[in-house]
Amino acid sequence: MEVETRLTPCSNGHDDKAEAENQSISELVSVLRAESRPEDFCRVEEALAAREAKLK
């Protein structure tokens, strides 16, 4: 499964990156879920789950 990647500019550059680096994976996923379209989030979630399964 291939997922289309769309890059969008960060709202505040360095500050957002520093904040993201201090968040847990669960917090980052929650932000992604809230900020993305549901169908995009589902595709990304499936792709990540498939990658995780391959690593096990």
Protein backbone atom coordinates (compact mmCIF):
# COMPACT_ATOMS: atom_id res chain seq x y z
CA MET A 1 0.00 0.00 0.00
CA GLU A 2 1.38 3.37 -0.96
CA VAL A 3 0.35 6.54 0.83
CA GLU A 4 0.35 9.91 -0.88
CA THR A 5 2.38 12.47 1.03
CA ARG A 6 1.28 16.08 1.02
CA LEU A 7 3.58 18.60 2.63
CA THR A 8 2.07 21.60 4.33
CA PRO A 9 3.96 24.47 5.90
CA CYS A 10 4.19 24.55 9.68
CA SER A 11 2.49 27.47 11.29
CA ASN A 12 5.41 28.50 13.45
CA GLY A 13 8.49 26.63 12.23
CA HIS A 14 11.05 26.01 14.97
CA ASP A 15 8.68 26.35 17.93
CA ASP A 16 6.34 23.70 16.51
CA LYS A 17 9.25 21.34 15.86
CA ALA A 18 10.58 21.76 19.41
CA GLU A 19 7.11 21.15 20.83
CA ALA A 20 6.62 18.04 18.67
CA GLU A 21 9.97 16.62 19.78
CA ASN A 22 8.80 16.79 23.41
CA GLN A 23 5.46 15.06 22.82
CA SER A 24 4.87 11.34 23.20
CA ILE A 25 3.97 9.25 20.17
CA SER A 26 0.40 9.01 21.50
CA GLU A 27 0.17 12.79 21.72
CA LEU A 28 1.53 13.20 18.18
CA VAL A 29 -0.97 10.67 16.83
CA SER A 30 -3.79 12.51 18.60
CA VAL A 31 -2.73 15.78 16.98
CA LEU A 32 -2.52 14.09 13.59
CA ARG A 33 -5.97 12.55 14.04
CA ALA A 34 -7.50 15.91 15.00
CA GLU A 35 -5.78 17.91 12.25
CA SER A 36 -6.19 15.57 9.27
CA ARG A 37 -9.10 14.42 7.19
CA PRO A 38 -10.48 11.13 8.57
CA GLU A 39 -9.87 9.21 5.33
CA ASP A 40 -6.25 10.41 5.19
CA PHE A 41 -5.69 9.47 8.83
CA CYS A 42 -7.12 5.98 8.25
CA ARG A 43 -4.79 5.38 5.29
CA VAL A 44 -1.75 6.54 7.26
CA GLU A 45 -2.78 4.49 10.30
CA GLU A 46 -3.12 1.36 8.13
CA ALA A 47 0.27 1.95 6.49
CA LEU A 48 1.97 2.41 9.87
CA ALA A 49 0.31 -0.72 11.27
CA ALA A 50 1.51 -2.72 8.25
CA ARG A 51 5.07 -1.44 8.69
CA GLU A 52 4.98 -2.26 12.39
CA ALA A 53 3.78 -5.80 11.63
CA LYS A 54 6.69 -6.30 9.20
CA LEU A 55 9.16 -5.26 11.90
CA LYS A 56 7.89 -7.89 14.34
